[in-house]
All heavy atoms as atom14 arrays in JSON, in Angstrom:
{
  "sequence": "DAFPPRRYGKVESAFYEAHKYISRRVHKQ",
  "atom14_mask": [
    [1, 1, 1, 1, 1, 1, 1, 1, 0, 0, 0, 0, 0, 0],
    [1, 1, 1, 1, 1, 0, 0, 0, 0, 0, 0, 0, 0, 0],
    [1, 1, 1, 1, 1, 1, 1, 1, 1, 1, 1, 0, 0, 0],
    [1, 1, 1, 1, 1, 1, 1, 0, 0, 0, 0, 0, 0, 0],
    [1, 1, 1, 1, 1, 1, 1, 0, 0, 0, 0, 0, 0, 0],
    [1, 1, 1, 1, 1, 1, 1, 1, 1, 1, 1, 0, 0, 0],
    [1, 1, 1, 1, 1, 1, 1, 1, 1, 1, 1, 0, 0, 0],
    [1, 1, 1, 1, 1, 1, 1, 1, 1, 1, 1, 1, 0, 0],
    [1, 1, 1, 1, 0, 0, 0, 0, 0, 0, 0, 0, 0, 0],
    [1, 1, 1, 1, 1, 1, 1, 1, 1, 0, 0, 0, 0, 0],
    [1, 1, 1, 1, 1, 1, 1, 0, 0, 0, 0, 0, 0, 0],
    [1, 1, 1, 1, 1, 1, 1, 1, 1, 0, 0, 0, 0, 0],
    [1, 1, 1, 1, 1, 1, 0, 0, 0, 0, 0, 0, 0, 0],
    [1, 1, 1, 1, 1, 0, 0, 0, 0, 0, 0, 0, 0, 0],
    [1, 1, 1, 1, 1, 1, 1, 1, 1, 1, 1, 0, 0, 0],
    [1, 1, 1, 1, 1, 1, 1, 1, 1, 1, 1, 1, 0, 0],
    [1, 1, 1, 1, 1, 1, 1, 1, 1, 0, 0, 0, 0, 0],
    [1, 1, 1, 1, 1, 0, 0, 0, 0, 0, 0, 0, 0, 0],
    [1, 1, 1, 1, 1, 1, 1, 1, 1, 1, 0, 0, 0, 0],
    [1, 1, 1, 1, 1, 1, 1, 1, 1, 0, 0, 0, 0, 0],
    [1, 1, 1, 1, 1, 1, 1, 1, 1, 1, 1, 1, 0, 0],
    [1, 1, 1, 1, 1, 1, 1, 1, 0, 0, 0, 0, 0, 0],
    [1, 1, 1, 1, 1, 1, 0, 0, 0, 0, 0, 0, 0, 0],
    [1, 1, 1, 1, 1, 1, 1, 1, 1, 1, 1, 0, 0, 0],
    [1, 1, 1, 1, 1, 1, 1, 1, 1, 1, 1, 0, 0, 0],
    [1, 1, 1, 1, 1, 1, 1, 0, 0, 0, 0, 0, 0, 0],
    [1, 1, 1, 1, 1, 1, 1, 1, 1, 1, 0, 0, 0, 0],
    [1, 1, 1, 1, 1, 1, 1, 1, 1, 0, 0, 0, 0, 0],
    [1, 1, 1, 1, 1, 1, 1, 1, 1, 0, 0, 0, 0, 0]
  ],
  "atom14_positions": [
    [[107.2, 102.51, 73.53], [108.58, 102.92, 73.02], [109.53, 103.29, 74.05], [110.66, 103.07, 74.06], [108.41, 103.99, 71.91], [107.75, 103.5, 70.69], [107.75, 102.24, 70.48], [107.35, 104.36, 69.9], [0.0, 0.0, 0.0], [0.0, 0.0, 0.0], [0.0, 0.0, 0.0], [0.0, 0.0, 0.0], [0.0, 0.0, 0.0], [0.0, 0.0, 0.0]],
    [[108.91, 104.06, 75.1], [109.84, 104.51, 76.21], [110.19, 103.45, 77.2], [111.23, 103.53, 77.84], [109.1, 105.61, 76.92], [0.0, 0.0, 0.0], [0.0, 0.0, 0.0], [0.0, 0.0, 0.0], [0.0, 0.0, 0.0], [0.0, 0.0, 0.0], [0.0, 0.0, 0.0], [0.0, 0.0, 0.0], [0.0, 0.0, 0.0], [0.0, 0.0, 0.0]],
    [[109.33, 102.43, 77.33], [109.64, 101.35, 78.31], [109.57, 100.08, 77.65], [108.58, 99.24, 77.89], [108.69, 101.48, 79.57], [108.85, 102.81, 80.21], [107.91, 103.79, 79.99], [109.83, 102.88, 81.23], [108.04, 105.02, 80.68], [110.0, 104.15, 81.75], [109.08, 105.12, 81.59], [0.0, 0.0, 0.0], [0.0, 0.0, 0.0], [0.0, 0.0, 0.0]],
    [[110.42, 99.72, 76.7], [110.39, 98.47, 75.99], [110.54, 97.22, 76.86], [111.52, 97.17, 77.68], [111.42, 98.54, 74.96], [112.39, 99.45, 75.55], [111.62, 100.42, 76.39], [0.0, 0.0, 0.0], [0.0, 0.0, 0.0], [0.0, 0.0, 0.0], [0.0, 0.0, 0.0], [0.0, 0.0, 0.0], [0.0, 0.0, 0.0], [0.0, 0.0, 0.0]],
    [[109.68, 96.22, 76.82], [109.92, 94.93, 77.62], [111.26, 94.27, 77.35], [111.73, 93.64, 78.3], [108.78, 94.11, 77.18], [107.81, 94.97, 76.61], [108.53, 96.12, 75.95], [0.0, 0.0, 0.0], [0.0, 0.0, 0.0], [0.0, 0.0, 0.0], [0.0, 0.0, 0.0], [0.0, 0.0, 0.0], [0.0, 0.0, 0.0], [0.0, 0.0, 0.0]],
    [[111.83, 94.43, 76.1], [113.07, 93.8, 75.88], [114.14, 94.35, 76.77], [115.11, 93.64, 77.04], [113.41, 93.86, 74.38], [113.71, 95.23, 73.86], [114.1, 95.3, 72.46], [114.01, 96.48, 71.7], [114.04, 97.71, 72.15], [114.31, 98.04, 73.39], [114.04, 98.7, 71.26], [0.0, 0.0, 0.0], [0.0, 0.0, 0.0], [0.0, 0.0, 0.0]],
    [[114.03, 95.6, 77.13], [115.01, 96.21, 77.98], [114.88, 95.72, 79.41], [115.85, 95.54, 80.18], [115.0, 97.68, 77.93], [115.85, 98.37, 78.89], [115.82, 99.89, 78.77], [116.55, 100.51, 79.82], [116.36, 101.69, 80.3], [115.45, 102.45, 79.78], [117.09, 102.15, 81.28], [0.0, 0.0, 0.0], [0.0, 0.0, 0.0], [0.0, 0.0, 0.0]],
    [[113.71, 95.56, 79.89], [113.39, 95.28, 81.26], [113.2, 93.73, 81.53], [113.05, 93.35, 82.66], [112.09, 96.03, 81.78], [112.45, 97.45, 81.68], [111.86, 98.35, 80.73], [113.16, 98.07, 82.67], [112.05, 99.65, 80.65], [113.35, 99.48, 82.57], [112.86, 100.16, 81.55], [113.11, 101.57, 81.56], [0.0, 0.0, 0.0], [0.0, 0.0, 0.0]],
    [[113.13, 92.97, 80.49], [112.97, 91.55, 80.69], [111.57, 90.95, 80.57], [111.33, 89.98, 79.98], [0.0, 0.0, 0.0], [0.0, 0.0, 0.0], [0.0, 0.0, 0.0], [0.0, 0.0, 0.0], [0.0, 0.0, 0.0], [0.0, 0.0, 0.0], [0.0, 0.0, 0.0], [0.0, 0.0, 0.0], [0.0, 0.0, 0.0], [0.0, 0.0, 0.0]],
    [[110.62, 91.73, 81.08], [109.26, 91.3, 80.98], [108.34, 92.53, 81.15], [108.78, 93.55, 81.52], [108.81, 90.2, 81.96], [109.0, 90.63, 83.43], [108.75, 89.45, 84.35], [108.85, 89.91, 85.83], [108.33, 88.78, 86.68], [0.0, 0.0, 0.0], [0.0, 0.0, 0.0], [0.0, 0.0, 0.0], [0.0, 0.0, 0.0], [0.0, 0.0, 0.0]],
    [[107.06, 92.33, 80.74], [106.14, 93.53, 80.7], [105.86, 94.15, 82.11], [105.85, 95.35, 82.24], [104.84, 93.12, 80.05], [103.82, 94.18, 80.03], [105.1, 92.67, 78.63], [0.0, 0.0, 0.0], [0.0, 0.0, 0.0], [0.0, 0.0, 0.0], [0.0, 0.0, 0.0], [0.0, 0.0, 0.0], [0.0, 0.0, 0.0], [0.0, 0.0, 0.0]],
    [[105.76, 93.31, 83.09], [105.49, 93.76, 84.5], [106.64, 94.66, 84.94], [106.38, 95.6, 85.64], [105.34, 92.56, 85.46], [103.96, 91.83, 85.2], [103.97, 90.85, 84.07], [105.08, 90.5, 83.45], [102.86, 90.44, 83.62], [0.0, 0.0, 0.0], [0.0, 0.0, 0.0], [0.0, 0.0, 0.0], [0.0, 0.0, 0.0], [0.0, 0.0, 0.0]],
    [[107.89, 94.27, 84.6], [109.01, 95.09, 85.01], [108.99, 96.47, 84.33], [109.29, 97.53, 84.89], [110.3, 94.4, 84.71], [110.4, 93.23, 85.45], [0.0, 0.0, 0.0], [0.0, 0.0, 0.0], [0.0, 0.0, 0.0], [0.0, 0.0, 0.0], [0.0, 0.0, 0.0], [0.0, 0.0, 0.0], [0.0, 0.0, 0.0], [0.0, 0.0, 0.0]],
    [[108.52, 96.53, 83.04], [108.39, 97.72, 82.27], [107.28, 98.59, 82.86], [107.48, 99.79, 83.1], [108.07, 97.4, 80.84], [0.0, 0.0, 0.0], [0.0, 0.0, 0.0], [0.0, 0.0, 0.0], [0.0, 0.0, 0.0], [0.0, 0.0, 0.0], [0.0, 0.0, 0.0], [0.0, 0.0, 0.0], [0.0, 0.0, 0.0], [0.0, 0.0, 0.0]],
    [[106.22, 97.98, 83.4], [105.13, 98.67, 84.11], [105.61, 99.36, 85.33], [105.42, 100.51, 85.56], [103.95, 97.69, 84.48], [103.15, 97.19, 83.34], [102.19, 96.18, 83.56], [103.26, 97.67, 82.06], [101.38, 95.77, 82.57], [102.46, 97.25, 81.04], [101.51, 96.26, 81.21], [0.0, 0.0, 0.0], [0.0, 0.0, 0.0], [0.0, 0.0, 0.0]],
    [[106.39, 98.59, 86.1], [106.87, 99.02, 87.36], [107.83, 100.35, 87.06], [107.79, 101.33, 87.73], [107.64, 97.96, 88.14], [108.22, 98.56, 89.4], [107.35, 98.73, 90.5], [109.62, 98.67, 89.52], [107.97, 99.23, 91.66], [110.11, 99.12, 90.69], [109.34, 99.43, 91.78], [109.88, 99.91, 92.99], [0.0, 0.0, 0.0], [0.0, 0.0, 0.0]],
    [[108.74, 100.17, 86.14], [109.65, 101.25, 85.81], [108.89, 102.52, 85.29], [109.17, 103.66, 85.65], [110.64, 100.84, 84.82], [111.68, 99.95, 85.28], [112.5, 100.43, 86.52], [112.86, 101.63, 86.51], [112.72, 99.56, 87.47], [0.0, 0.0, 0.0], [0.0, 0.0, 0.0], [0.0, 0.0, 0.0], [0.0, 0.0, 0.0], [0.0, 0.0, 0.0]],
    [[107.91, 102.25, 84.48], [106.99, 103.31, 83.93], [106.31, 104.03, 85.12], [106.14, 105.26, 85.19], [106.02, 102.8, 82.92], [0.0, 0.0, 0.0], [0.0, 0.0, 0.0], [0.0, 0.0, 0.0], [0.0, 0.0, 0.0], [0.0, 0.0, 0.0], [0.0, 0.0, 0.0], [0.0, 0.0, 0.0], [0.0, 0.0, 0.0], [0.0, 0.0, 0.0]],
    [[105.8, 103.19, 86.0], [105.07, 103.79, 87.21], [105.99, 104.64, 87.99], [105.66, 105.74, 88.43], [104.57, 102.61, 88.1], [103.96, 103.05, 89.41], [104.65, 102.97, 90.48], [102.79, 103.71, 89.62], [103.88, 103.44, 91.45], [102.8, 103.92, 90.95], [0.0, 0.0, 0.0], [0.0, 0.0, 0.0], [0.0, 0.0, 0.0], [0.0, 0.0, 0.0]],
    [[107.27, 104.13, 88.27], [108.24, 104.93, 89.05], [108.51, 106.23, 88.35], [108.59, 107.31, 89.0], [109.51, 104.12, 89.17], [109.61, 103.37, 90.48], [110.94, 102.73, 90.81], [112.03, 102.85, 89.82], [113.29, 102.1, 90.17], [0.0, 0.0, 0.0], [0.0, 0.0, 0.0], [0.0, 0.0, 0.0], [0.0, 0.0, 0.0], [0.0, 0.0, 0.0]],
    [[108.73, 106.18, 87.03], [109.15, 107.35, 86.31], [108.1, 108.41, 86.17], [108.23, 109.57, 86.5], [109.64, 106.95, 84.84], [110.09, 108.1, 84.12], [111.45, 108.45, 84.15], [109.33, 108.89, 83.26], [111.96, 109.47, 83.45], [109.8, 109.92, 82.54], [111.17, 110.24, 82.66], [111.69, 111.32, 81.92], [0.0, 0.0, 0.0], [0.0, 0.0, 0.0]],
    [[106.85, 107.96, 85.89], [105.79, 108.82, 85.58], [105.16, 109.41, 86.95], [104.76, 110.65, 87.04], [104.7, 108.25, 84.8], [105.21, 107.87, 83.4], [103.43, 109.08, 84.66], [104.32, 106.99, 82.55], [0.0, 0.0, 0.0], [0.0, 0.0, 0.0], [0.0, 0.0, 0.0], [0.0, 0.0, 0.0], [0.0, 0.0, 0.0], [0.0, 0.0, 0.0]],
    [[105.14, 108.62, 87.97], [104.52, 109.13, 89.23], [105.36, 110.22, 89.87], [104.8, 111.02, 90.59], [104.37, 107.89, 90.24], [105.63, 107.33, 90.56], [0.0, 0.0, 0.0], [0.0, 0.0, 0.0], [0.0, 0.0, 0.0], [0.0, 0.0, 0.0], [0.0, 0.0, 0.0], [0.0, 0.0, 0.0], [0.0, 0.0, 0.0], [0.0, 0.0, 0.0]],
    [[106.66, 110.25, 89.58], [107.52, 111.37, 90.08], [107.25, 112.69, 89.29], [107.59, 113.74, 89.85], [108.93, 111.01, 89.92], [109.46, 110.03, 90.96], [110.91, 109.78, 90.8], [111.05, 108.7, 89.82], [112.17, 108.48, 89.12], [113.22, 109.2, 89.35], [112.23, 107.56, 88.18], [0.0, 0.0, 0.0], [0.0, 0.0, 0.0], [0.0, 0.0, 0.0]],
    [[106.61, 112.58, 88.11], [106.46, 113.72, 87.34], [105.04, 114.28, 87.19], [104.78, 115.2, 86.5], [107.0, 113.43, 85.91], [108.52, 113.44, 86.01], [109.1, 112.81, 84.68], [110.54, 112.87, 84.68], [111.36, 112.12, 85.44], [110.82, 111.15, 86.27], [112.63, 112.17, 85.36], [0.0, 0.0, 0.0], [0.0, 0.0, 0.0], [0.0, 0.0, 0.0]],
    [[104.11, 113.56, 87.79], [102.71, 114.08, 87.79], [102.25, 114.36, 89.21], [102.79, 113.76, 90.11], [101.71, 112.97, 87.18], [102.09, 112.81, 85.74], [101.71, 111.72, 87.97], [0.0, 0.0, 0.0], [0.0, 0.0, 0.0], [0.0, 0.0, 0.0], [0.0, 0.0, 0.0], [0.0, 0.0, 0.0], [0.0, 0.0, 0.0], [0.0, 0.0, 0.0]],
    [[101.28, 115.23, 89.37], [100.8, 115.68, 90.64], [99.78, 114.77, 91.19], [99.51, 114.75, 92.46], [100.35, 117.05, 90.54], [101.42, 118.1, 90.41], [101.86, 118.43, 89.11], [102.19, 118.81, 91.24], [102.87, 119.35, 89.29], [103.04, 119.54, 90.43], [0.0, 0.0, 0.0], [0.0, 0.0, 0.0], [0.0, 0.0, 0.0], [0.0, 0.0, 0.0]],
    [[99.06, 114.08, 90.35], [97.94, 113.2, 90.85], [98.53, 111.85, 91.22], [99.76, 111.49, 90.84], [96.87, 113.07, 89.87], [97.31, 112.35, 88.57], [96.1, 112.17, 87.69], [96.45, 111.17, 86.66], [95.33, 110.69, 85.96], [0.0, 0.0, 0.0], [0.0, 0.0, 0.0], [0.0, 0.0, 0.0], [0.0, 0.0, 0.0], [0.0, 0.0, 0.0]],
    [[97.73, 111.04, 91.84], [98.18, 109.73, 92.14], [98.2, 108.85, 90.89], [97.15, 108.74, 90.1], [97.17, 109.04, 93.21], [97.59, 107.65, 93.56], [96.62, 106.96, 94.45], [95.63, 107.57, 94.83], [96.9, 105.79, 94.96], [0.0, 0.0, 0.0], [0.0, 0.0, 0.0], [0.0, 0.0, 0.0], [0.0, 0.0, 0.0], [0.0, 0.0, 0.0]]
  ]
}
């Protein structure tokens, strides 16, 4: 719901945006 593929064009782009967003907010890798 937070990273819908329709917004990013494809699933891999949604993965990348989710990775960028979440990795800034967690302490682990």
